[in-house]
Amino acid sequence: MDSYYYDTGAAAVLGILFVIGFIFAIAGYVLVSLFLMKIFDKAGVQGKWRAWVPVYNYLIFAKLGDVSPWVVLIAMALSLIPYLNFLTGIALAVVMALAAWRIGLKLQKDAVWVILWVLLGIVWLGINAFDKSRWNPNIVPAPWAGNSFFADATVWQGVPVQPSASAAPQAYGAAPQGYAPPAPQGYAPPAPQGYAPPAQPGYAAPAAPATGAPVPPVPPTTPPAPPAAPPAAPSAPPAAPPAPPADPTQPPA
């Protein structure tokens, strides 16, 4: 009899725990789907129903995070295999953390925000869903962008293609591709008008010499005039100087 009551009480407790767990699971599913719907709306995903489909919503989440959705799907499938689900579960958590890191960058969040995703993913989703951040897909390409298996190369209708998902990795120091900052609009500086520097007066550049053969000088047509008459002979020499006056001290002759 005691065993019967014990088994009945244990079954009742398990039933209550199952109901409570089911309620929490439904509430968590509703919140996560609502948050994903808001994030998908920021990213330009068409169709809000995509956020409410299990598994499929996380495949879109991976695409927005520059990760191939097939990698996530394979990791989910391998997580169902006994004795292997521990390792594949860790791999799936790492892949989703990388996708969350890339999505956070596109929502103007620093890389450290991925720690919140790892610890409290639903809080991370709620903050990014209802804050005032805007979606910017033109960020630096992912480190795995050149990996054909890990990088996203799929095209799904209604899901925007991320320009940084399939960009080739660049050498160190090269400018990032896939991002062009928008040109400033609405203002163009006016061209300077009303002033021109005056020309320098009194100077003109010499004319360029003629490029043809030099022209010989024209010979004179009339002979030169004869030289003028020689100068006249000098005039007569001057007369002799006058005699000096007589000495007054001498007696007259």
C-alpha atoms as a PDB file:
ATOM      1  CA  MET A   1       0.000   0.000   0.000  1.00  0.00           C
ATOM      2  CA  ASP A   2       2.784   2.412   0.880  1.00  0.00           C
ATOM      3  CA  SER A   3       4.524   1.607  -2.382  1.00  0.00           C
ATOM      4  CA  TYR A   4       1.330   2.409  -4.268  1.00  0.00           C
ATOM      5  CA  TYR A   5       1.003   5.812  -2.636  1.00  0.00           C
ATOM      6  CA  TYR A   6       4.686   6.458  -3.194  1.00  0.00           C
ATOM      7  CA  ASP A   7       4.469   5.648  -6.891  1.00  0.00           C
ATOM      8  CA  THR A   8       1.321   7.737  -7.234  1.00  0.00           C
ATOM      9  CA  GLY A   9       2.903  10.720  -5.495  1.00  0.00           C
ATOM     10  CA  ALA A  10       6.050  10.472  -7.614  1.00  0.00           C
ATOM     11  CA  ALA A  11       3.973  10.313 -10.775  1.00  0.00           C
ATOM     12  CA  ALA A  12       2.001  13.362  -9.657  1.00  0.00           C
ATOM     13  CA  VAL A  13       5.181  15.313  -8.972  1.00  0.00           C
ATOM     14  CA  LEU A  14       6.610  14.332 -12.330  1.00  0.00           C
ATOM     15  CA  GLY A  15       3.370  15.345 -14.005  1.00  0.00           C
ATOM     16  CA  ILE A  16       3.411  18.741 -12.324  1.00  0.00           C
ATOM     17  CA  LEU A  17       7.053  19.272 -13.276  1.00  0.00           C
ATOM     18  CA  PHE A  18       6.258  18.277 -16.847  1.00  0.00           C
ATOM     19  CA  VAL A  19       3.393  20.772 -17.030  1.00  0.00           C
ATOM     20  CA  ILE A  20       5.538  23.551 -15.557  1.00  0.00           C
ATOM     21  CA  GLY A  21       8.391  22.735 -17.917  1.00  0.00           C
ATOM     22  CA  PHE A  22       6.000  22.665 -20.867  1.00  0.00           C
ATOM     23  CA  ILE A  23       4.618  26.089 -19.914  1.00  0.00           C
ATOM     24  CA  PHE A  24       8.120  27.532 -19.632  1.00  0.00           C
ATOM     25  CA  ALA A  25       9.076  25.968 -22.966  1.00  0.00           C
ATOM     26  CA  ILE A  26       6.036  27.499 -24.677  1.00  0.00           C
ATOM     27  CA  ALA A  27       6.724  30.889 -23.100  1.00  0.00           C
ATOM     28  CA  GLY A  28      10.381  30.716 -24.122  1.00  0.00           C
ATOM     29  CA  TYR A  29       9.436  29.707 -27.665  1.00  0.00           C
ATOM     30  CA  VAL A  30       7.013  32.627 -27.950  1.00  0.00           C
ATOM     31  CA  LEU A  31       9.536  35.148 -26.624  1.00  0.00           C
ATOM     32  CA  VAL A  32      12.394  33.874 -28.795  1.00  0.00           C
ATOM     33  CA  SER A  33      10.184  33.857 -31.894  1.00  0.00           C
ATOM     34  CA  LEU A  34       8.970  37.375 -31.138  1.00  0.00           C
ATOM     35  CA  PHE A  35      12.513  38.660 -30.668  1.00  0.00           C
ATOM     36  CA  LEU A  36      13.713  36.925 -33.834  1.00  0.00           C
ATOM     37  CA  MET A  37      10.801  38.440 -35.747  1.00  0.00           C
ATOM     38  CA  LYS A  38      11.886  41.928 -34.691  1.00  0.00           C
ATOM     39  CA  ILE A  39      15.524  41.261 -35.626  1.00  0.00           C
ATOM     40  CA  PHE A  40      14.498  39.756 -38.971  1.00  0.00           C
ATOM     41  CA  ASP A  41      12.374  42.833 -39.624  1.00  0.00           C
ATOM     42  CA  LYS A  42      15.410  45.070 -39.025  1.00  0.00           C
ATOM     43  CA  ALA A  43      17.448  42.937 -41.420  1.00  0.00           C
ATOM     44  CA  GLY A  44      14.821  43.222 -44.165  1.00  0.00           C
ATOM     45  CA  VAL A  45      13.634  39.599 -44.101  1.00  0.00           C
ATOM     46  CA  GLN A  46      10.298  39.294 -45.861  1.00  0.00           C
ATOM     47  CA  GLY A  47       7.572  37.380 -44.051  1.00  0.00           C
ATOM     48  CA  LYS A  48       7.263  37.533 -40.285  1.00  0.00           C
ATOM     49  CA  TRP A  49       6.132  33.895 -40.226  1.00  0.00           C
ATOM     50  CA  ARG A  50       9.728  32.775 -40.781  1.00  0.00           C
ATOM     51  CA  ALA A  51      10.610  33.642 -37.185  1.00  0.00           C
ATOM     52  CA  TRP A  52       7.896  31.300 -35.846  1.00  0.00           C
ATOM     53  CA  VAL A  53       8.982  28.120 -37.641  1.00  0.00           C
ATOM     54  CA  PRO A  54      11.251  26.000 -35.409  1.00  0.00           C
ATOM     55  CA  VAL A  55      14.702  25.133 -36.788  1.00  0.00           C
ATOM     56  CA  TYR A  56      14.038  27.232 -39.891  1.00  0.00           C
ATOM     57  CA  ASN A  57      14.246  30.453 -37.874  1.00  0.00           C
ATOM     58  CA  TYR A  58      17.722  29.539 -36.647  1.00  0.00           C
ATOM     59  CA  LEU A  59      18.824  28.741 -40.193  1.00  0.00           C
ATOM     60  CA  ILE A  60      17.857  32.290 -41.184  1.00  0.00           C
ATOM     61  CA  PHE A  61      19.627  33.560 -38.068  1.00  0.00           C
ATOM     62  CA  ALA A  62      22.775  31.791 -39.278  1.00  0.00           C
ATOM     63  CA  LYS A  63      22.432  33.304 -42.767  1.00  0.00           C
ATOM     64  CA  LEU A  64      22.179  36.797 -41.328  1.00  0.00           C
ATOM     65  CA  GLY A  65      25.317  36.004 -39.325  1.00  0.00           C
ATOM     66  CA  ASP A  66      27.323  35.065 -42.463  1.00  0.00           C
ATOM     67  CA  VAL A  67      27.297  31.357 -41.548  1.00  0.00           C
ATOM     68  CA  SER A  68      26.064  28.675 -43.933  1.00  0.00           C
ATOM     69  CA  PRO A  69      22.663  27.392 -42.747  1.00  0.00           C
ATOM     70  CA  TRP A  70      23.619  23.890 -43.829  1.00  0.00           C
ATOM     71  CA  VAL A  71      26.405  23.872 -41.235  1.00  0.00           C
ATOM     72  CA  VAL A  72      23.827  24.631 -38.538  1.00  0.00           C
ATOM     73  CA  LEU A  73      21.431  22.004 -39.871  1.00  0.00           C
ATOM     74  CA  ILE A  74      24.152  19.332 -39.934  1.00  0.00           C
ATOM     75  CA  ALA A  75      25.203  20.218 -36.385  1.00  0.00           C
ATOM     76  CA  MET A  76      21.581  19.959 -35.217  1.00  0.00           C
ATOM     77  CA  ALA A  77      21.192  16.554 -36.841  1.00  0.00           C
ATOM     78  CA  LEU A  78      24.432  15.235 -35.340  1.00  0.00           C
ATOM     79  CA  SER A  79      23.337  16.455 -31.913  1.00  0.00           C
ATOM     80  CA  LEU A  80      20.605  13.805 -31.956  1.00  0.00           C
ATOM     81  CA  ILE A  81      23.112  10.939 -32.159  1.00  0.00           C
ATOM     82  CA  PRO A  82      23.860   9.355 -28.759  1.00  0.00           C
ATOM     83  CA  TYR A  83      27.444   9.535 -27.486  1.00  0.00           C
ATOM     84  CA  LEU A  84      28.121  12.140 -30.142  1.00  0.00           C
ATOM     85  CA  ASN A  85      25.653  14.804 -29.140  1.00  0.00           C
ATOM     86  CA  PHE A  86      27.981  16.243 -26.503  1.00  0.00           C
ATOM     87  CA  LEU A  87      30.674  17.236 -29.002  1.00  0.00           C
ATOM     88  CA  THR A  88      28.246  18.258 -31.724  1.00  0.00           C
ATOM     89  CA  GLY A  89      26.261  20.261 -29.171  1.00  0.00           C
ATOM     90  CA  ILE A  90      29.381  22.241 -28.300  1.00  0.00           C
ATOM     91  CA  ALA A  91      30.117  22.747 -32.000  1.00  0.00           C
ATOM     92  CA  LEU A  92      26.550  23.972 -32.572  1.00  0.00           C
ATOM     93  CA  ALA A  93      26.854  26.426 -29.678  1.00  0.00           C
ATOM     94  CA  VAL A  94      30.115  27.798 -31.110  1.00  0.00           C
ATOM     95  CA  VAL A  95      28.612  28.203 -34.588  1.00  0.00           C
ATOM     96  CA  MET A  96      25.570  30.038 -33.243  1.00  0.00           C
ATOM     97  CA  ALA A  97      27.824  32.268 -31.120  1.00  0.00           C
ATOM     98  CA  LEU A  98      29.777  33.236 -34.242  1.00  0.00           C
ATOM     99  CA  ALA A  99      26.532  34.054 -36.048  1.00  0.00           C
ATOM    100  CA  ALA A 100      25.379  36.138 -33.068  1.00  0.00           C
ATOM    101  CA  TRP A 101      28.707  37.971 -33.081  1.00  0.00           C
ATOM    102  CA  ARG A 102      28.278  38.929 -36.748  1.00  0.00           C
ATOM    103  CA  ILE A 103      24.659  39.974 -36.255  1.00  0.00           C
ATOM    104  CA  GLY A 104      25.681  42.085 -33.280  1.00  0.00           C
ATOM    105  CA  LEU A 105      28.254  43.899 -35.399  1.00  0.00           C
ATOM    106  CA  LYS A 106      25.578  44.651 -37.984  1.00  0.00           C
ATOM    107  CA  LEU A 107      23.419  46.093 -35.198  1.00  0.00           C
ATOM    108  CA  GLN A 108      26.212  48.421 -33.966  1.00  0.00           C
ATOM    109  CA  LYS A 109      27.164  46.166 -31.035  1.00  0.00           C
ATOM    110  CA  ASP A 110      30.728  45.539 -29.922  1.00  0.00           C
ATOM    111  CA  ALA A 111      32.239  42.074 -30.024  1.00  0.00           C
ATOM    112  CA  VAL A 112      31.969  41.684 -26.241  1.00  0.00           C
ATOM    113  CA  TRP A 113      28.197  41.447 -26.600  1.00  0.00           C
ATOM    114  CA  VAL A 114      28.621  37.843 -27.711  1.00  0.00           C
ATOM    115  CA  ILE A 115      29.332  36.990 -24.059  1.00  0.00           C
ATOM    116  CA  LEU A 116      25.748  37.976 -23.225  1.00  0.00           C
ATOM    117  CA  TRP A 117      24.547  35.676 -26.010  1.00  0.00           C
ATOM    118  CA  VAL A 118      26.473  32.756 -24.541  1.00  0.00           C
ATOM    119  CA  LEU A 119      25.227  33.369 -20.994  1.00  0.00           C
ATOM    120  CA  LEU A 120      21.691  34.693 -21.587  1.00  0.00           C
ATOM    121  CA  GLY A 121      20.777  34.342 -25.232  1.00  0.00           C
ATOM    122  CA  ILE A 122      17.154  35.367 -24.763  1.00  0.00           C
ATOM    123  CA  VAL A 123      18.238  38.640 -23.118  1.00  0.00           C
ATOM    124  CA  TRP A 124      20.612  39.299 -26.037  1.00  0.00           C
ATOM    125  CA  LEU A 125      17.744  38.739 -28.465  1.00  0.00           C
ATOM    126  CA  GLY A 126      15.402  41.021 -26.528  1.00  0.00           C
ATOM    127  CA  ILE A 127      17.868  43.910 -26.391  1.00  0.00           C
ATOM    128  CA  ASN A 128      18.704  43.745 -30.095  1.00  0.00           C
ATOM    129  CA  ALA A 129      15.047  43.334 -31.002  1.00  0.00           C
ATOM    130  CA  PHE A 130      13.712  46.442 -29.264  1.00  0.00           C
ATOM    131  CA  ASP A 131      16.601  48.888 -29.113  1.00  0.00           C
ATOM    132  CA  LYS A 132      17.057  51.683 -31.659  1.00  0.00           C
ATOM    133  CA  SER A 133      19.915  50.057 -33.537  1.00  0.00           C
ATOM    134  CA  ARG A 134      19.728  49.880 -37.323  1.00  0.00           C
ATOM    135  CA  TRP A 135      20.815  47.059 -39.572  1.00  0.00           C
ATOM    136  CA  ASN A 136      24.056  47.689 -41.483  1.00  0.00           C
ATOM    137  CA  PRO A 137      25.244  44.679 -43.537  1.00  0.00           C
ATOM    138  CA  ASN A 138      28.246  46.563 -44.965  1.00  0.00           C
ATOM    139  CA  ILE A 139      30.800  45.554 -42.370  1.00  0.00           C
ATOM    140  CA  VAL A 140      34.219  43.945 -42.591  1.00  0.00           C
ATOM    141  CA  PRO A 141      33.969  40.442 -44.137  1.00  0.00           C
ATOM    142  CA  ALA A 142      33.980  37.516 -41.762  1.00  0.00           C
ATOM    143  CA  PRO A 143      37.298  35.711 -41.138  1.00  0.00           C
ATOM    144  CA  TRP A 144      35.786  32.560 -42.673  1.00  0.00           C
ATOM    145  CA  ALA A 145      34.465  34.348 -45.771  1.00  0.00           C
ATOM    146  CA  GLY A 146      36.906  32.457 -47.984  1.00  0.00           C
ATOM    147  CA  ASN A 147      35.823  29.035 -46.652  1.00  0.00           C
ATOM    148  CA  SER A 148      33.414  27.513 -49.155  1.00  0.00           C
ATOM    149  CA  PHE A 149      31.931  25.144 -46.543  1.00  0.00           C
ATOM    150  CA  PHE A 150      31.479  27.470 -43.574  1.00  0.00           C
ATOM    151  CA  ALA A 151      30.675  30.755 -45.337  1.00  0.00           C
ATOM    152  CA  ASP A 152      27.125  31.405 -46.485  1.00  0.00           C
ATOM    153  CA  ALA A 153      26.675  31.172 -50.242  1.00  0.00           C
ATOM    154  CA  THR A 154      22.981  30.262 -50.329  1.00  0.00           C
ATOM    155  CA  VAL A 155      20.279  32.463 -51.796  1.00  0.00           C
ATOM    156  CA  TRP A 156      16.804  32.149 -50.295  1.00  0.00           C
ATOM    157  CA  GLN A 157      13.878  34.128 -51.565  1.00  0.00           C
ATOM    158  CA  GLY A 158      12.786  36.749 -49.075  1.00  0.00           C
ATOM    159  CA  VAL A 159      16.080  36.691 -47.152  1.00  0.00           C
ATOM    160  CA  PRO A 160      18.522  39.487 -48.097  1.00  0.00           C
ATOM    161  CA  VAL A 161      21.942  38.366 -49.286  1.00  0.00           C
ATOM    162  CA  GLN A 162      24.635  39.679 -46.973  1.00  0.00           C
ATOM    163  CA  PRO A 163      27.426  41.408 -48.961  1.00  0.00           C
ATOM    164  CA  SER A 164      30.074  40.419 -46.407  1.00  0.00           C
ATOM    165  CA  ALA A 165      29.206  36.715 -46.400  1.00  0.00           C
ATOM    166  CA  SER A 166      31.082  35.564 -49.496  1.00  0.00           C
ATOM    167  CA  ALA A 167      33.797  38.219 -49.817  1.00  0.00           C
ATOM    168  CA  ALA A 168      37.285  36.850 -50.271  1.00  0.00           C
ATOM    169  CA  PRO A 169      39.685  37.308 -47.353  1.00  0.00           C
ATOM    170  CA  GLN A 170      42.096  40.175 -47.807  1.00  0.00           C
ATOM    171  CA  ALA A 171      45.761  40.588 -47.106  1.00  0.00           C
ATOM    172  CA  TYR A 172      46.927  42.436 -44.027  1.00  0.00           C
ATOM    173  CA  GLY A 173      46.689  46.175 -44.448  1.00  0.00           C
ATOM    174  CA  ALA A 174      44.325  46.044 -47.419  1.00  0.00           C
ATOM    175  CA  ALA A 175      41.186  48.125 -47.408  1.00  0.00           C
ATOM    176  CA  PRO A 176      38.025  46.137 -46.596  1.00  0.00           C
ATOM    177  CA  GLN A 177      35.780  45.288 -49.504  1.00  0.00           C
ATOM    178  CA  GLY A 178      32.058  45.218 -49.574  1.00  0.00           C
ATOM    179  CA  TYR A 179      31.689  48.455 -47.711  1.00  0.00           C
ATOM    180  CA  ALA A 180      31.415  51.894 -49.210  1.00  0.00           C
ATOM    181  CA  PRO A 181      30.490  54.713 -46.855  1.00  0.00           C
ATOM    182  CA  PRO A 182      27.580  56.740 -48.190  1.00  0.00           C
ATOM    183  CA  ALA A 183      28.561  59.982 -49.826  1.00  0.00           C
ATOM    184  CA  PRO A 184      27.367  63.099 -47.967  1.00  0.00           C
ATOM    185  CA  GLN A 185      24.306  64.569 -49.594  1.00  0.00           C
ATOM    186  CA  GLY A 186      22.498  67.846 -49.406  1.00  0.00           C
ATOM    187  CA  TYR A 187      25.546  70.122 -49.451  1.00  0.00           C
ATOM    188  CA  ALA A 188      27.993  71.089 -52.174  1.00  0.00           C
ATOM    189  CA  PRO A 189      30.519  73.873 -51.484  1.00  0.00           C
ATOM    190  CA  PRO A 190      30.047  76.776 -53.957  1.00  0.00           C
ATOM    191  CA  ALA A 191      32.752  77.361 -56.502  1.00  0.00           C
ATOM    192  CA  PRO A 192      34.830  80.523 -55.858  1.00  0.00           C
ATOM    193  CA  GLN A 193      33.663  83.396 -58.073  1.00  0.00           C
ATOM    194  CA  GLY A 194      34.376  87.104 -58.645  1.00  0.00           C
ATOM    195  CA  TYR A 195      38.180  87.033 -58.569  1.00  0.00           C
ATOM    196  CA  ALA A 196      40.758  86.404 -61.261  1.00  0.00           C
ATOM    197  CA  PRO A 197      44.451  87.307 -60.796  1.00  0.00           C
ATOM    198  CA  PRO A 198      45.431  90.260 -63.091  1.00  0.00           C
ATOM    199  CA  ALA A 199      47.859  89.652 -65.918  1.00  0.00           C
ATOM    200  CA  GLN A 200      51.386  91.023 -65.500  1.00  0.00           C
ATOM    201  CA  PRO A 201      51.713  94.251 -67.608  1.00  0.00           C
ATOM    202  CA  GLY A 202      54.704  95.073 -69.777  1.00  0.00           C
ATOM    203  CA  TYR A 203      55.787  91.593 -70.516  1.00  0.00           C
ATOM    204  CA  ALA A 204      55.109  89.329 -73.404  1.00  0.00           C
ATOM    205  CA  ALA A 205      56.736  86.023 -74.063  1.00  0.00           C
ATOM    206  CA  PRO A 206      59.202  86.149 -77.006  1.00  0.00           C
ATOM    207  CA  ALA A 207      57.940  84.747 -80.220  1.00  0.00           C
ATOM    208  CA  ALA A 208      59.124  81.312 -81.091  1.00  0.00           C
ATOM    209  CA  PRO A 209      61.846  81.245 -83.769  1.00  0.00           C
ATOM    210  CA  ALA A 210      60.878  80.194 -87.236  1.00  0.00           C
ATOM    211  CA  THR A 211      61.347  76.544 -87.899  1.00  0.00           C
ATOM    212  CA  GLY A 212      62.159  76.902 -91.638  1.00  0.00           C
ATOM    213  CA  ALA A 213      65.559  77.506 -93.320  1.00  0.00           C
ATOM    214  CA  PRO A 214      67.122  80.963 -92.687  1.00  0.00           C
ATOM    215  CA  VAL A 215      66.513  83.573 -95.396  1.00  0.00           C
ATOM    216  CA  PRO A 216      69.789  85.085 -96.822  1.00  0.00           C
ATOM    217  CA  PRO A 217      70.143  88.907 -96.657  1.00  0.00           C
ATOM    218  CA  VAL A 218      69.205  90.919 -99.761  1.00  0.00           C
ATOM    219  CA  PRO A 219      72.298  92.550-101.424  1.00  0.00           C
ATOM    220  CA  PRO A 220      72.205  96.382-101.789  1.00  0.00           C
ATOM    221  CA  THR A 221      71.040  97.638-105.187  1.00  0.00           C
ATOM    222  CA  THR A 222      73.116 100.958-105.237  1.00  0.00           C
ATOM    223  CA  PRO A 223      76.856 101.291-104.553  1.00  0.00           C
ATOM    224  CA  PRO A 224      77.842 103.165-101.444  1.00  0.00           C
ATOM    225  CA  ALA A 225      78.517 106.934-101.747  1.00  0.00           C
ATOM    226  CA  PRO A 226      82.220 108.083-102.114  1.00  0.00           C
ATOM    227  CA  PRO A 227      83.891 109.482 -99.029  1.00  0.00           C
ATOM    228  CA  ALA A 228      83.637 113.187 -98.362  1.00  0.00           C
ATOM    229  CA  ALA A 229      86.420 115.713 -99.479  1.00  0.00           C
ATOM    230  CA  PRO A 230      89.553 115.798 -97.331  1.00  0.00           C
ATOM    231  CA  PRO A 231      89.677 118.509 -94.703  1.00  0.00           C
ATOM    232  CA  ALA A 232      91.175 121.939 -95.700  1.00  0.00           C
ATOM    233  CA  ALA A 233      94.805 122.807 -94.914  1.00  0.00           C
ATOM    234  CA  PRO A 234      95.377 124.642 -91.667  1.00  0.00           C
ATOM    235  CA  SER A 235      95.489 128.442 -91.799  1.00  0.00           C
ATOM    236  CA  ALA A 236      98.757 130.539 -91.767  1.00  0.00           C
ATOM    237  CA  PRO A 237     100.847 130.389 -88.642  1.00  0.00           C
ATOM    238  CA  PRO A 238     100.287 133.156 -86.147  1.00  0.00           C
ATOM    239  CA  ALA A 239     102.404 136.355 -86.341  1.00  0.00           C
ATOM    240  CA  ALA A 240     105.547 136.854 -84.247  1.00  0.00           C
ATOM    241  CA  PRO A 241     104.934 138.019 -80.737  1.00  0.00           C
ATOM    242  CA  PRO A 242     105.344 141.786 -80.083  1.00  0.00           C
ATOM    243  CA  ALA A 243     108.706 143.154 -78.870  1.00  0.00           C
ATOM    244  CA  PRO A 244     109.043 143.570 -75.178  1.00  0.00           C
ATOM    245  CA  PRO A 245     108.951 147.108 -73.824  1.00  0.00           C
ATOM    246  CA  ALA A 246     112.238 149.035 -73.174  1.00  0.00           C
ATOM    247  CA  ASP A 247     113.745 148.963 -69.743  1.00  0.00           C
ATOM    248  CA  PRO A 248     112.926 152.239 -68.049  1.00  0.00           C
ATOM    249  CA  THR A 249     116.184 152.246 -66.127  1.00  0.00           C
ATOM    250  CA  GLN A 250     118.374 152.454 -69.157  1.00  0.00           C
ATOM    251  CA  PRO A 251     119.020 155.868 -70.698  1.00  0.00           C
ATOM    252  CA  PRO A 252     117.651 156.470 -74.064  1.00  0.00           C
ATOM    253  CA  ALA A 253     119.994 155.987 -76.924  1.00  0.00           C
END
